[in-house]
C-alpha cells in the first residue's frame, strides 16, 4: 500500500473557511475518489501548526495505482474544479507519500475504520518521530514488540521527504494529562525509545464529518 498525506493551510484560517472546505470536499472530492480510484482513509483538522490545518490521508494499492489516480484526476472535470476551489481556500499545501512500516498491519487501519463507523472516536493523534539514521529497523522491532499493547492503528514512513521520519497514528487523544513526574513504567518505555528516536512531535487530529476514521 501507498498513502498520500495532503496538508492544507486555510487562508484565512477561519471556522467559516473550514466549513467551506468541508462542503467542497463532500460535494466534489469524495465522489471523485470513487470514480478515479483513491480511497480516503482519514480527514482531520488540527491546530498544532496552524489553526484549522486540514489533513487528508488517501490509500492506494501501489505506486502504479497512485500514478493512474493522478492521471485520471487531471482528466476528470469535476475533480479539477473541486481542487481549484480548494486551492482558493488553502493556497499553501504540502504533499507527502508514505509507505507502511511493517509491524502495524494495514488490516489494523481498515478494522479501525469499520469500528469507528459503529462507535466514532472523533479524535486521533499523530506521533511524528525522527529516527536516528541507521536505526529504523531497530525502531520497527520495538514497535512490533509493543504494538499489540498500544492503540496504534497505522505506522508509516516517508517515501518523499525525510526517510527517517515515521508517523504513528494512535486512537484517541494521547497525552491529554498535564505535568506529572515520570515513573518506572514511563522510563521503561521511553528510555529505549529515545535511543533510536530522540525527537517526537504530537499532533491532535479531529475527525472531519466525511472522514472514514470517525
Protein backbone atom coordinates (compact mmCIF):
# COMPACT_ATOMS: atom_id res chain seq x y z
CA UNK A 1 0.00 0.00 0.00
CA UNK A 2 0.95 3.63 -0.58
CA UNK A 3 -0.54 6.60 1.27
CA UNK A 4 -0.83 10.20 0.14
CA UNK A 5 -0.82 12.72 3.00
CA UNK A 6 -2.09 16.13 1.93
CA UNK A 7 -1.90 19.12 4.27
CA UNK A 8 -3.99 22.25 3.60
CA UNK A 9 -3.41 25.60 5.33
CA UNK A 10 -6.59 27.69 5.22
CA UNK A 11 -6.16 31.36 4.36
CA UNK A 12 -7.71 32.98 6.27
CA UNK A 13 -7.79 30.23 8.89
CA UNK A 14 -11.38 30.76 10.00
CA UNK A 15 -14.08 28.28 11.05
CA UNK A 16 -16.22 29.57 8.16
CA UNK A 17 -13.48 28.69 5.66
CA UNK A 18 -13.18 25.26 7.28
CA UNK A 19 -16.91 24.76 6.69
CA UNK A 20 -16.49 25.82 3.06
CA UNK A 21 -13.64 23.31 2.68
CA UNK A 22 -15.84 20.54 4.13
CA UNK A 23 -18.67 21.44 1.74
CA UNK A 24 -16.39 21.31 -1.32
CA UNK A 25 -14.80 18.05 -0.20
CA UNK A 26 -18.18 16.40 0.31
CA UNK A 27 -19.61 17.70 -2.97
CA UNK A 28 -16.64 17.27 -5.33
CA UNK A 29 -13.66 15.44 -3.84
CA UNK A 30 -15.28 12.37 -2.25
CA UNK A 31 -17.33 11.41 -5.34
CA UNK A 32 -14.19 11.90 -7.42
CA UNK A 33 -12.25 9.47 -5.24
CA UNK A 34 -14.77 6.76 -6.02
CA UNK A 35 -14.59 7.47 -9.77
CA UNK A 36 -10.82 7.71 -10.17
CA UNK A 37 -9.54 5.16 -7.65
CA UNK A 38 -8.41 6.85 -4.44
CA UNK A 39 -9.55 5.57 -1.02
CA UNK A 40 -9.75 8.31 1.58
CA UNK A 41 -8.99 6.75 4.97
CA UNK A 42 -8.77 9.84 7.18
CA UNK A 43 -9.73 13.52 7.03
CA UNK A 44 -8.83 15.68 10.01
CA UNK A 45 -8.20 19.18 11.21
CA UNK A 46 -5.52 20.15 13.72
CA UNK A 47 -4.31 23.31 15.43
CA UNK A 48 -0.70 22.41 16.29
CA UNK A 49 0.99 24.07 13.30
CA UNK A 50 -1.73 26.41 12.00
CA UNK A 51 -5.28 26.92 13.21
CA UNK A 52 -7.66 24.50 11.48
CA UNK A 53 -4.97 22.95 9.31
CA UNK A 54 -6.64 20.17 7.30
CA UNK A 55 -5.03 16.78 6.65
CA UNK A 56 -6.23 14.12 4.21
CA UNK A 57 -4.77 10.60 4.07
CA UNK A 58 -5.62 8.61 0.93
CA UNK A 59 -4.76 4.95 0.30
CA UNK A 60 -3.61 3.33 -2.95
CA UNK A 61 -2.71 -0.25 -3.74
CA UNK A 62 0.74 0.72 -5.05
CA UNK A 63 2.66 3.46 -6.87
CA UNK A 64 1.15 2.44 -10.20
CA UNK A 65 -2.34 2.94 -8.76
CA UNK A 66 -1.28 6.35 -7.50
CA UNK A 67 0.01 7.29 -10.95
CA UNK A 68 -3.27 6.20 -12.55
CA UNK A 69 -5.17 8.26 -9.98
CA UNK A 70 -3.14 11.37 -10.78
CA UNK A 71 -3.70 10.95 -14.49
CA UNK A 72 -7.42 10.36 -14.03
CA UNK A 73 -7.69 13.41 -11.74
CA UNK A 74 -6.22 15.59 -14.47
CA UNK A 75 -8.85 14.37 -16.95
CA UNK A 76 -11.84 14.49 -14.57
CA UNK A 77 -13.58 17.87 -14.88
CA UNK A 78 -15.37 17.78 -11.51
CA UNK A 79 -12.18 16.80 -9.72
CA UNK A 80 -10.25 19.64 -11.36
CA UNK A 81 -12.97 22.12 -10.41
CA UNK A 82 -13.04 20.88 -6.81
CA UNK A 83 -9.25 21.09 -6.49
CA UNK A 84 -9.30 24.62 -7.91
CA UNK A 85 -11.87 25.66 -5.32
CA UNK A 86 -9.82 24.13 -2.50
CA UNK A 87 -6.73 25.96 -3.74
CA UNK A 88 -8.55 29.27 -3.27
CA UNK A 89 -9.34 28.38 0.36
CA UNK A 90 -5.94 26.80 1.04
CA UNK A 91 -3.29 28.23 -1.29
CA UNK A 92 -0.49 26.78 0.83
CA UNK A 93 -0.43 22.99 0.65
CA UNK A 94 2.09 20.21 1.12
CA UNK A 95 2.11 16.59 -0.01
CA UNK A 96 3.94 13.55 1.35
CA UNK A 97 4.00 9.98 0.09
CA UNK A 98 4.06 7.38 2.85
CA UNK A 99 4.54 3.62 2.99
CA UNK A 100 3.50 1.26 5.79
CA UNK A 101 6.04 0.38 8.45
CA UNK A 102 5.66 -3.40 8.66
CA UNK A 103 4.85 -4.13 12.32
CA UNK A 104 1.41 -2.48 12.17
CA UNK A 105 -0.59 -4.41 9.57
CA UNK A 106 -2.69 -2.47 7.06
CA UNK A 107 -5.69 -4.51 8.18
CA UNK A 108 -5.41 -2.78 11.58
CA UNK A 109 -6.28 0.54 9.96
CA UNK A 110 -9.16 -0.96 7.99
CA UNK A 111 -10.56 -2.57 11.15
CA UNK A 112 -10.30 0.77 12.98
CA UNK A 113 -12.27 2.47 10.20
CA UNK A 114 -15.02 -0.12 10.47
CA UNK A 115 -15.10 0.13 14.28
CA UNK A 116 -15.22 3.94 14.19
CA UNK A 117 -18.26 3.87 11.93
CA UNK A 118 -20.08 1.93 14.62
CA UNK A 119 -18.63 3.95 17.52
CA UNK A 120 -16.89 7.19 16.46
CA UNK A 121 -13.80 8.25 18.42
CA UNK A 122 -13.75 11.80 16.99
CA UNK A 123 -10.11 12.38 17.96
CA UNK A 124 -6.85 10.70 16.92
CA UNK A 125 -3.17 11.52 17.41
CA UNK A 126 -0.16 11.60 15.12
CA UNK A 127 3.09 10.74 16.88
CA UNK A 128 5.70 12.07 14.44
CA UNK A 129 9.13 10.65 15.24
CA UNK A 130 12.57 11.46 13.89
CA UNK A 131 14.53 8.20 13.83
CA UNK A 132 18.31 8.24 14.16
CA UNK A 133 19.96 7.32 10.85
CA UNK A 134 20.53 3.59 10.51
CA UNK A 135 18.14 2.70 13.36
CA UNK A 136 14.83 2.37 11.52
CA UNK A 137 14.94 -1.43 11.67
CA UNK A 138 15.59 -1.23 15.41
CA UNK A 139 12.62 1.10 15.82
CA UNK A 140 10.44 -1.26 13.78
CA UNK A 141 11.44 -4.16 16.04
CA UNK A 142 10.48 -2.12 19.11
CA UNK A 143 7.17 -1.22 17.52
CA UNK A 144 6.49 -4.87 16.73
CA UNK A 145 7.21 -5.85 20.34
CA UNK A 146 4.99 -3.12 21.83
CA UNK A 147 2.42 -2.56 19.08
CA UNK A 148 -0.08 -5.17 20.23
CA UNK A 149 -0.40 -3.47 23.60
CA UNK A 150 -0.72 0.07 22.22
CA UNK A 151 -3.69 1.69 20.45
CA UNK A 152 -1.66 2.33 17.28
CA UNK A 153 -3.70 1.73 14.13
CA UNK A 154 -1.15 2.71 11.47
CA UNK A 155 2.58 3.35 11.16
CA UNK A 156 4.07 4.97 8.08
CA UNK A 157 7.46 6.22 6.94
CA UNK A 158 8.02 8.91 4.36
CA UNK A 159 8.78 7.86 0.80
CA UNK A 160 9.19 11.52 -0.13
CA UNK A 161 10.93 13.94 2.18
CA UNK A 162 12.70 12.57 5.24
CA UNK A 163 13.21 8.76 5.05
CA UNK A 164 13.83 8.68 8.81
CA UNK A 165 10.50 10.31 9.71
CA UNK A 166 7.76 8.00 10.99
CA UNK A 167 4.08 8.72 11.59
CA UNK A 168 2.33 6.57 14.19
CA UNK A 169 -1.44 7.05 14.16
CA UNK A 170 -2.98 6.45 17.59
CA UNK A 171 -6.61 6.03 18.54
CA UNK A 172 -7.79 8.77 20.88
CA UNK A 173 -6.17 11.86 22.37
CA UNK A 174 -2.71 10.78 23.52
CA UNK A 175 -1.05 12.97 26.15
CA UNK A 176 -4.12 14.80 27.43
CA UNK A 177 -2.89 14.88 31.01
CA UNK A 178 -0.83 17.72 32.39
CA UNK A 179 2.51 17.50 34.14
CA UNK A 180 3.24 14.63 36.45
CA UNK A 181 6.60 13.15 37.46
CA UNK A 182 7.83 10.20 35.49
CA UNK A 183 7.55 6.70 36.88
CA UNK A 184 9.18 3.33 36.27
CA UNK A 185 6.67 2.32 33.58
CA UNK A 186 7.25 5.53 31.60
CA UNK A 187 11.02 5.24 31.95
CA UNK A 188 10.93 1.62 30.76
CA UNK A 189 9.01 2.73 27.67
CA UNK A 190 10.79 5.97 26.80
CA UNK A 191 14.46 5.30 27.59
CA UNK A 192 14.98 2.65 24.87
CA UNK A 193 12.67 4.56 22.51
CA UNK A 194 14.68 7.77 22.81
CA UNK A 195 17.89 5.94 21.97
CA UNK A 196 16.52 5.32 18.47
CA UNK A 197 14.00 8.19 18.17
CA UNK A 198 15.35 11.17 20.12
CA UNK A 199 12.78 13.63 18.75
CA UNK A 200 8.99 13.33 18.66
CA UNK A 201 6.09 15.66 17.98
CA UNK A 202 2.45 15.04 18.85
CA UNK A 203 -0.44 16.30 16.72
CA UNK A 204 -4.02 16.03 17.95
CA UNK A 205 -6.32 15.21 14.99
CA UNK A 206 -10.05 15.97 15.00
CA UNK A 207 -12.08 13.93 12.51
CA UNK A 208 -13.98 15.91 9.88
CA UNK A 209 -17.60 14.92 9.09
CA UNK A 210 -16.66 12.99 5.93
CA UNK A 211 -13.68 11.14 7.40
CA UNK A 212 -13.85 7.32 7.20
CA UNK A 213 -11.95 7.28 10.51
CA UNK A 214 -14.65 8.89 12.61
